[in-house]
Protein backbone atom coordinates (compact mmCIF):
# COMPACT_ATOMS: atom_id res chain seq x y z
CA UNK A 1 14.25 15.05 -1.59
CA UNK A 2 13.51 19.07 -0.09
CA UNK A 3 16.66 20.88 0.29
CA UNK A 4 17.11 22.71 3.65
CA UNK A 5 16.21 25.83 4.23
CA UNK A 6 18.55 29.13 3.68
CA UNK A 7 19.15 30.33 6.47
CA UNK A 8 16.45 33.79 7.68
CA UNK A 9 18.25 37.42 7.55
CA UNK A 10 16.58 37.78 11.38
CA UNK A 11 16.78 34.60 13.13
CA UNK A 12 14.45 32.13 15.82
CA UNK A 13 16.08 32.62 19.69
CA UNK A 14 16.73 28.68 18.85
CA UNK A 15 18.70 28.72 22.16
CA UNK A 16 15.14 30.95 24.22
CA UNK A 17 14.16 28.05 27.18
CA UNK A 18 11.31 28.05 25.21
CA UNK A 19 11.37 28.33 21.61
CA UNK A 20 10.78 24.86 19.74
CA UNK A 21 11.29 24.21 16.63
CA UNK A 22 8.50 21.36 16.05
CA UNK A 23 5.81 23.85 15.31
CA UNK A 24 7.04 24.17 11.97
CA UNK A 25 8.26 21.19 11.07
CA UNK A 26 6.33 18.52 13.05
CA UNK A 27 2.96 16.52 13.11
CA UNK A 28 2.52 14.49 16.02
CA UNK A 29 -1.02 11.99 15.60
CA UNK A 30 -1.36 10.32 18.27
CA UNK A 31 -4.10 7.21 18.25
CA UNK A 32 -6.67 8.62 19.87
CA UNK A 33 -7.21 11.19 16.66
CA UNK A 34 -5.50 14.09 18.76
CA UNK A 35 -2.89 16.92 16.32
CA UNK A 36 -0.14 17.92 18.38
CA UNK A 37 2.66 19.82 17.85
CA UNK A 38 5.42 16.67 19.12
CA UNK A 39 4.58 14.07 21.50
CA UNK A 40 5.31 15.27 24.65
CA UNK A 41 2.60 18.80 24.19
CA UNK A 42 -0.11 18.71 25.85
CA UNK A 43 -3.68 19.28 24.35
CA UNK A 44 -5.73 19.38 21.95
CA UNK A 45 -3.98 21.20 18.29
CA UNK A 46 -6.66 19.41 15.96
CA UNK A 47 -8.74 16.34 15.86
CA UNK A 48 -8.07 14.14 12.53
CA UNK A 49 -11.63 13.18 12.99
CA UNK A 50 -13.43 16.13 11.90
CA UNK A 51 -10.34 17.97 9.92
CA UNK A 52 -7.56 17.36 7.31
CA UNK A 53 -3.52 16.85 7.82
CA UNK A 54 -3.58 20.69 6.12
CA UNK A 55 -6.32 22.59 8.31
CA UNK A 56 -4.64 21.55 11.98
CA UNK A 57 -1.66 23.12 10.77
CA UNK A 58 -2.77 26.20 9.13
CA UNK A 59 -4.83 26.56 11.99
CA UNK A 60 -5.25 29.45 15.08
CA UNK A 61 -4.03 26.55 17.03
CA UNK A 62 -0.41 26.26 15.57
CA UNK A 63 -0.66 30.02 14.32
CA UNK A 64 -1.22 31.22 18.32
CA UNK A 65 0.83 28.58 20.00
CA UNK A 66 4.39 29.99 17.47
CA UNK A 67 3.41 32.82 17.66
CA UNK A 68 3.84 32.89 21.48
CA UNK A 69 7.32 30.28 20.48
CA UNK A 70 8.69 33.57 19.08
CA UNK A 71 8.02 35.55 21.80
CA UNK A 72 9.64 33.30 23.73
CA UNK A 73 6.98 32.65 25.86
CA UNK A 74 6.64 29.85 28.46
CA UNK A 75 3.23 27.51 27.73
CA UNK A 76 2.01 24.91 29.84
CA UNK A 77 1.43 22.50 27.63
CA UNK A 78 5.50 22.20 27.13
CA UNK A 79 5.59 21.34 31.20
CA UNK A 80 7.32 18.03 30.38
CA UNK A 81 9.77 19.02 28.74
CA UNK A 82 10.53 22.46 30.74
CA UNK A 83 10.22 19.49 34.19
CA UNK A 84 13.00 17.58 32.42
CA UNK A 85 15.48 21.24 31.40
CA UNK A 86 14.98 21.82 35.39
CA UNK A 87 16.33 18.57 36.28
CA UNK A 88 19.45 18.21 34.47
CA UNK A 89 18.05 15.83 31.19
CA UNK A 90 17.82 16.52 27.68
CA UNK A 91 14.05 17.27 26.70
CA UNK A 92 12.53 17.27 23.20
CA UNK A 93 12.63 20.47 23.28
CA UNK A 94 16.58 21.16 22.78
CA UNK A 95 15.95 17.55 19.93
CA UNK A 96 14.21 19.22 17.71
CA UNK A 97 15.97 22.83 17.95
CA UNK A 98 19.66 20.25 16.65
CA UNK A 99 18.15 18.33 14.73
CA UNK A 100 15.40 21.37 12.52
CA UNK A 101 18.36 24.07 12.78
CA UNK A 102 18.54 24.32 9.10
CA UNK A 103 14.36 24.91 9.42
CA UNK A 104 15.31 27.47 11.13
CA UNK A 105 14.10 30.28 8.13
CA UNK A 106 10.55 28.17 8.29
CA UNK A 107 10.62 29.77 12.38
CA UNK A 108 8.71 33.73 11.22
CA UNK A 109 4.69 34.79 11.99
CA UNK A 110 4.34 33.75 8.31
CA UNK A 111 2.26 29.82 7.87
CA UNK A 112 4.64 27.56 7.77
CA UNK A 113 5.35 25.21 4.85
CA UNK A 114 3.79 21.33 4.76
CA UNK A 115 5.90 19.86 7.72
CA UNK A 116 8.68 17.92 6.97
CA UNK A 117 8.78 15.51 9.88
CA UNK A 118 5.58 13.10 11.03
CA UNK A 119 4.32 10.91 13.77
CA UNK A 120 1.90 8.90 13.11
CA UNK A 121 0.64 5.97 16.10
CA UNK A 122 -2.53 4.99 13.62
CA UNK A 123 -3.54 3.05 17.16
CA UNK A 124 -2.59 1.83 20.44
CA UNK A 125 -2.71 -1.97 19.17
CA UNK A 126 0.36 -3.65 20.52
CA UNK A 127 0.96 -7.10 22.20
CA UNK A 128 2.81 -5.27 25.49
CA UNK A 129 1.36 -4.20 28.91
CA UNK A 130 4.33 -2.62 29.88
CA UNK A 131 3.48 -1.74 33.70
CA UNK A 132 4.60 1.90 33.30
CA UNK A 133 1.84 1.69 30.37
CA UNK A 134 -1.57 2.35 29.80
CA UNK A 135 -4.78 2.88 27.56
CA UNK A 136 -4.46 4.68 25.31
CA UNK A 137 -0.30 3.55 23.80
CA UNK A 138 -1.61 -0.24 24.09
CA UNK A 139 -4.53 -2.01 23.60
CA UNK A 140 -2.83 -4.81 25.48
CA UNK A 141 -3.50 -2.99 28.49
CA UNK A 142 -7.64 -2.56 28.02
CA UNK A 143 -8.67 -5.10 30.40
CA UNK A 144 -6.04 -3.76 33.56
CA UNK A 145 -8.06 -0.10 33.11
CA UNK A 146 -11.50 -1.31 32.96
CA UNK A 147 -10.87 -2.90 36.36
CA UNK A 148 -8.99 0.10 37.46
CA UNK A 149 -11.59 2.82 36.05
CA UNK A 150 -8.68 3.62 33.66
CA UNK A 151 -9.82 3.14 30.16
CA UNK A 152 -9.37 5.86 27.73
CA UNK A 153 -12.47 4.08 24.89
CA UNK A 154 -15.21 1.85 25.25
CA UNK A 155 -13.05 -0.43 23.28
CA UNK A 156 -9.55 -1.85 23.63
CA UNK A 157 -8.36 -0.49 20.40
CA UNK A 158 -8.49 3.00 20.04
CA UNK A 159 -7.95 4.46 16.09
CA UNK A 160 -6.77 8.12 14.85
CA UNK A 161 -9.69 7.50 11.48
CA UNK A 162 -11.94 5.30 11.63
CA UNK A 163 -10.13 2.37 9.03
CA UNK A 164 -7.00 2.23 8.14
CA UNK A 165 -7.51 2.68 4.40
CA UNK A 166 -8.70 6.74 5.98
CA UNK A 167 -5.90 7.21 8.39
CA UNK A 168 -3.08 6.01 5.21
CA UNK A 169 -5.19 8.14 2.20
CA UNK A 170 -4.86 10.95 5.44
CA UNK A 171 -0.94 10.90 5.84
CA UNK A 172 -0.92 9.63 1.92
CA UNK A 173 -0.29 14.12 0.54
CA UNK A 174 2.67 15.21 3.70
CA UNK A 175 4.93 12.75 1.61
CA UNK A 176 5.85 14.57 -0.83
CA UNK A 177 8.07 17.36 1.27
CA UNK A 178 8.29 14.73 4.07
CA UNK A 179 12.07 14.17 5.04
CA UNK A 180 11.43 11.65 7.73
CA UNK A 181 9.34 9.52 9.47
CA UNK A 182 8.54 9.03 13.70
CA UNK A 183 7.21 5.59 14.18
CA UNK A 184 5.92 4.51 17.21
CA UNK A 185 2.79 3.31 19.20
CA UNK A 186 2.01 1.46 20.45
CA UNK A 187 3.92 -1.38 18.51
CA UNK A 188 4.25 0.36 14.68
CA UNK A 189 5.28 -3.01 13.60
CA UNK A 190 2.35 -4.54 14.02
CA UNK A 191 0.30 -2.29 11.98
CA UNK A 192 -1.15 -2.28 8.37
CA UNK A 193 -0.99 1.48 8.12
CA UNK A 194 2.56 1.79 8.76
CA UNK A 195 3.11 -0.97 6.41
CA UNK A 196 0.84 0.64 3.59
CA UNK A 197 3.67 4.31 3.97
CA UNK A 198 6.83 2.25 3.63
CA UNK A 199 5.03 0.66 0.36
CA UNK A 200 3.86 3.75 -1.54
CA UNK A 201 7.02 6.12 0.27
CA UNK A 202 8.59 3.28 -2.67
CA UNK A 203 6.73 3.98 -5.24
CA UNK A 204 7.09 7.18 -5.34
CA UNK A 205 10.38 7.04 -4.94
CA UNK A 206 11.07 8.22 -1.68
CA UNK A 207 14.03 6.07 -0.30
CA UNK A 208 14.93 8.73 0.52
CA UNK A 209 13.30 9.49 3.78
CA UNK A 210 14.99 9.38 6.98
CA UNK A 211 12.91 6.58 8.48
CA UNK A 212 13.51 6.24 13.18
CA UNK A 213 11.55 3.90 15.21
CA UNK A 214 10.67 2.78 18.58
CA UNK A 215 9.86 -0.31 18.86
CA UNK A 216 9.78 -3.67 21.15
CA UNK A 217 11.24 -5.56 18.22
CA UNK A 218 8.36 -8.56 19.30
CA UNK A 219 7.29 -9.24 15.90
CA UNK A 220 9.07 -8.25 12.47
CA UNK A 221 6.46 -9.97 10.70
CA UNK A 222 2.51 -8.33 10.56
CA UNK A 223 0.48 -10.74 8.21
CA UNK A 224 2.28 -10.55 4.67
CA UNK A 225 4.68 -7.40 5.20
CA UNK A 226 7.89 -8.23 6.43
CA UNK A 227 9.44 -5.57 7.08
CA UNK A 228 12.58 -6.00 6.47
CA UNK A 229 12.80 -7.00 3.54
CA UNK A 230 11.29 -3.02 3.27
CA UNK A 231 14.24 -2.05 5.78
CA UNK A 232 16.26 -2.98 3.38
CA UNK A 233 15.26 -0.11 0.46
CA UNK A 234 15.26 2.25 2.35
CA UNK A 235 19.08 4.30 3.44
CA UNK A 236 18.30 5.85 6.69
CA UNK A 237 16.64 3.36 9.53
CA UNK A 238 17.12 4.14 13.24
CA UNK A 239 15.51 1.82 15.34
CA UNK A 240 15.31 2.75 18.66
CA UNK A 241 14.97 -0.94 20.58
CA UNK A 242 12.03 0.15 24.07
CA UNK A 243 13.93 -2.10 26.74
CA UNK A 244 13.78 -1.80 30.79
CA UNK A 245 15.70 -4.60 31.64
CA UNK A 246 17.69 -8.34 30.50
CA UNK A 247 16.07 -11.91 30.56
CA UNK A 248 13.33 -11.77 33.48
CA UNK A 249 13.15 -8.36 35.01
CA UNK A 250 13.01 -7.19 31.70
CA UNK A 251 10.09 -9.43 30.70
CA UNK A 252 8.29 -8.82 34.60
CA UNK A 253 8.40 -4.69 33.49
CA UNK A 254 7.86 -5.17 29.86
CA UNK A 255 4.84 -7.46 30.45
CA UNK A 256 5.07 -9.73 26.58
CA UNK A 257 8.61 -9.41 26.06
CA UNK A 258 10.55 -13.05 25.54
CA UNK A 259 13.98 -11.86 26.15
CA UNK A 260 14.97 -15.15 24.05
CA UNK A 261 12.46 -14.06 21.19
CA UNK A 262 14.37 -9.79 21.81
CA UNK A 263 17.97 -11.38 20.75
CA UNK A 264 17.19 -13.88 17.95
CA UNK A 265 15.44 -10.35 16.24
CA UNK A 266 18.72 -9.41 16.49
CA UNK A 267 20.49 -10.42 15.09
CA UNK A 268 18.38 -10.70 11.86
CA UNK A 269 18.37 -7.59 11.50
CA UNK A 270 22.28 -7.16 11.62
CA UNK A 271 22.35 -10.04 9.74
CA UNK A 272 19.75 -9.05 6.79
CA UNK A 273 20.03 -5.24 6.64
CA UNK A 274 23.07 -4.18 8.24
CA UNK A 275 22.51 -0.86 7.89
CA UNK A 276 19.99 -0.18 10.36
CA UNK A 277 21.82 1.91 13.02
CA UNK A 278 20.39 0.31 16.46
CA UNK A 279 19.81 1.94 20.19
CA UNK A 280 18.27 0.71 23.13
CA UNK A 281 15.68 3.24 24.46
CA UNK A 282 15.90 2.89 28.51
CA UNK A 283 12.17 3.65 31.24
CA UNK A 284 14.42 4.84 33.85
CA UNK A 285 11.91 4.15 36.80
CA UNK A 286 11.87 2.54 40.63
CA UNK A 287 11.86 -0.45 38.81
CA UNK A 288 15.47 -0.52 36.99
CA UNK A 289 16.82 2.87 38.24
CA UNK A 290 19.37 0.24 40.96
CA UNK A 291 20.58 -1.80 37.66
CA UNK A 292 21.37 0.84 35.03
CA UNK A 293 25.02 0.07 35.16
CA UNK A 294 24.18 -3.47 34.68
CA UNK A 295 21.85 -3.37 32.28
CA UNK A 296 23.77 -1.20 30.01
CA UNK A 297 26.65 -3.35 30.48
CA UNK A 298 24.41 -6.56 28.98
CA UNK A 299 23.01 -4.97 26.34
CA UNK A 300 26.06 -3.63 24.96
CA UNK A 301 27.58 -7.14 25.53
CA UNK A 302 25.80 -7.60 22.38
CA UNK A 303 27.27 -5.87 19.99
CA UNK A 304 24.63 -4.24 17.47
CA UNK A 305 25.81 -0.88 19.03
CA UNK A 306 28.11 0.74 20.63
CA UNK A 307 28.45 2.22 23.96
CA UNK A 308 26.44 5.57 24.17
CA UNK A 309 24.35 4.55 21.70
CA UNK A 310 21.77 4.53 24.79
CA UNK A 311 18.73 7.10 26.21
CA UNK A 312 17.65 7.05 29.09
CA UNK A 313 14.31 8.35 29.43
CA UNK A 314 13.41 9.45 33.22
CA UNK A 315 9.93 8.06 33.61
CA UNK A 316 8.01 11.18 34.47
CA UNK A 317 4.01 8.94 34.83
CA UNK A 318 2.67 7.09 36.45
CA UNK A 319 3.60 9.18 39.00
CA UNK A 320 4.28 5.81 41.38
CA UNK A 321 6.80 4.63 39.37
CA UNK A 322 9.12 7.47 38.71
CA UNK A 323 12.57 8.32 40.50
CA UNK A 324 11.66 11.10 42.14
CA UNK A 325 8.89 9.41 44.97
CA UNK A 326 12.50 7.86 45.94
CA UNK A 327 13.82 9.27 49.50
CA UNK A 328 16.93 11.57 49.06
CA UNK A 329 19.71 8.68 50.25
CA UNK A 330 18.46 6.34 47.13
CA UNK A 331 18.18 8.32 45.05
CA UNK A 332 22.78 9.65 46.01
CA UNK A 333 23.64 6.52 45.65
CA UNK A 334 21.53 5.42 42.30
CA UNK A 335 24.35 8.66 41.07
CA UNK A 336 27.10 7.36 43.18
CA UNK A 337 26.06 3.68 41.26
CA UNK A 338 25.85 5.52 37.83
CA UNK A 339 28.54 7.50 37.87
CA UNK A 340 31.31 5.15 39.08
CA UNK A 341 30.13 3.18 35.80
CA UNK A 342 30.10 5.54 33.84
CA UNK A 343 33.65 6.78 34.14
CA UNK A 344 34.73 3.31 33.79
CA UNK A 345 33.30 3.24 30.13
CA UNK A 346 36.40 3.40 26.83
CA UNK A 347 34.27 6.38 25.36
CA UNK A 348 34.07 9.26 27.95
CA UNK A 349 30.56 10.89 26.06
CA UNK A 350 28.50 8.60 27.31
CA UNK A 351 29.00 10.10 31.32
CA UNK A 352 26.65 12.82 29.65
CA UNK A 353 23.99 10.35 28.67
CA UNK A 354 23.76 8.79 32.59
CA UNK A 355 24.36 12.04 34.04
CA UNK A 356 20.64 13.20 32.46
CA UNK A 357 19.27 9.85 34.42
């Protein structure tokens, strides 16, 4: 595994209001082939259909963006992080700066070494049609998107590369230096390309690569592949389960969810892969903001993670589900309820997480 870079004599403004380590360490590929420095960044820094990963990473768009961040100049393509920070939340920008502080020597005007972190979404393949999602992130959304005029392509399935083989082949050269891979979707546990990359890592002796997932955990198999058998061979697996409500409410918000099946799959992960670090990712919207205390209590009772192993993601898009549309008296009531519940928790570190909502 690559060793952390040594600190440089001149450090980048890691505490600046605009600076972000992402474009020196991370490459994100969306389901439509658009490449950016992270999954929250707007714009287009390259496209898998026209350029190789190296051409994009060392290209003008990335280099100009890096230069701007070194000057600590805000960029409109990073608006989502700025918005989160302005409301007191924890942004992905801040997470990158903390997680990759050991690579701060990369943050110079010179072209950096290859990325050590990847977020590759080979397609929008998904078996859920969550109410706050869209066609770009879920093939199951296609029928509704077509009825609403919101499609982003002529077919349900959107792919970053023309074939599964081309996708896996394009990413393979980056695996030698990678430290961690973030898998999201769509639903990553349904994507055969994802399994091909895991097998390639194991064949190269890279079971030290940290695997991070955002998954609905509805399926533990895809064709011949068994995800638990593969996870058993990796040293570090972090599984964040996407869930916004339990039982009927959860099944309503994330259409396709079977609550009993999710519980059974969580039990299988705990039984066969006890080293997997389980947490929950909750998209906070008008659909669940008044029951987050109940949701946290019910999920903690599953005894698969601690009371602080939760990430609250206030929804920004679609705007009609954003909690900012609530009138002031309802916002105050939601905040009062969350703070009162957080104060009852034995672990005081949970309070800031609820404050982020």
